Amino acid sequence: MEVLVARSIRPSTFHPPTDSPPLSIRRRKPATSTSIVILALQSGAETWRVAMISAVVLLSCVVTVTAAFDVTAVPFDEGFSHLFGNDNLVRSSDGRTARLTLNRYSANDMYHHGFFSASIKLPSDYTAGVVVAFYTSNGDLFEKTHDELDFEFLGNVRGKDWRIQTNVYGNGSTSRGREERFYVDDTPVREVVRSDAMGGDYPSKPMSVYATIWDGSTWATGNGKYKVNYKYEPFVSDFSDLVLRGCRADPIQQVDSAAARRCAEANDELLAADFALMTPKKRAAMRRFRERYMAYSFCYDTNRYPVAFPDCDIIPSEQSRFYEWGQSKDSRERRRSRRQSRKARAGDPKRVSSI
């Protein structure tokens, strides 16, 4: 996995109508890729837009967060179906926003390739242990050999930043996390290019798209040190501006030649879009972003993984900024600096009185 610090994430302002029926939802997504991309683009002070694109034929996958792309949102009724937890999901009167409370929804269809995105507003106040996720998986069909792409927001104690974590699993390889390309504020933050050496560890089967909010007390904040405190409930996240674009696929049966041609055309269109293209300018921006915000990378966690995985692009100048357990030296220094600053303010009456 790689962990990024998420800045300026604020609470939701969505108020669901009291007379609207509760809803949980479901949607599905594509599979294989030569390169996977995850984007996390903040479209406003309160909203993060996440999206994912994946193509089986040309093997390319993306997760994004921004309203900068020319895509059309669909109502939840058209794209998703109820799974469980009737009392924990409420949709807005126009059917385009859903409030989720420690629950999940997923898409109706499976795709071989496509583009999927949503605007997400996160819970506020004390959110330690809370996990809000937008991800793809086929675990309901392939329990022991499932593929999965995760985009997770990890809550924190009051006053501290949310964190963004991503994982890429292929063929049941959940003991090790991998990511694709990530975009934050229109900037790519990670890219994983498929290679033969990865073998089955690269996602290769059609998947569904899921959105969840759940209790991750055992690991999400401080490795489980800080738990979900239900004194601050309800923990709610709002999902809106849903985009589901791609070719539907049967995870078991092969499609006919006509359907295959249609999907190939759709795939070509997706891969020609701006969000699927990596330019020298984007790569330079990605390098700068990683230097500033990446807090952990499994590629540099030599204690846990003495031999780097084939999908790791080891950059010596970047690696030197990480401890052997994968944590960024910069992030540790920033935390120490903040603690010292708080102590200084607490012990300086003049400073406190002047605030």
Foldseek 3Di string as FASTA:
>chain_A
DWKWFDPLAAADPDDADPPFFFFAWAFWEAWFAQKAAWEWEAADSHKIKWKKKAAQPHGYMYIHTYPPFPFAFDFRVVWIHGDDDRPAWGAHPVRFKIKGFQFKHHTDFWFNTWMKMKMKGWFAAAQAQKKKWKKKKDCVPQVQQMWIWIWIWFGHHGPGTIMTDIFTFFGNPVVDGDHAWYHYNNATQHMFGHDVLCPRRTINFIIMIMIGMHGRCCQRYPNNPDGGDCVPDRTMMMIGRIGITAQTDDRPDDDDPVSVVVRVVSVVVVCVTPSNDDDPVRVVRNVVSCQPIIFFDPQQQCVVPVDGGPRDDDDPVSSVQADNRGGGVVVVVVVVVVVVVVVVCVPDVVNVVVD
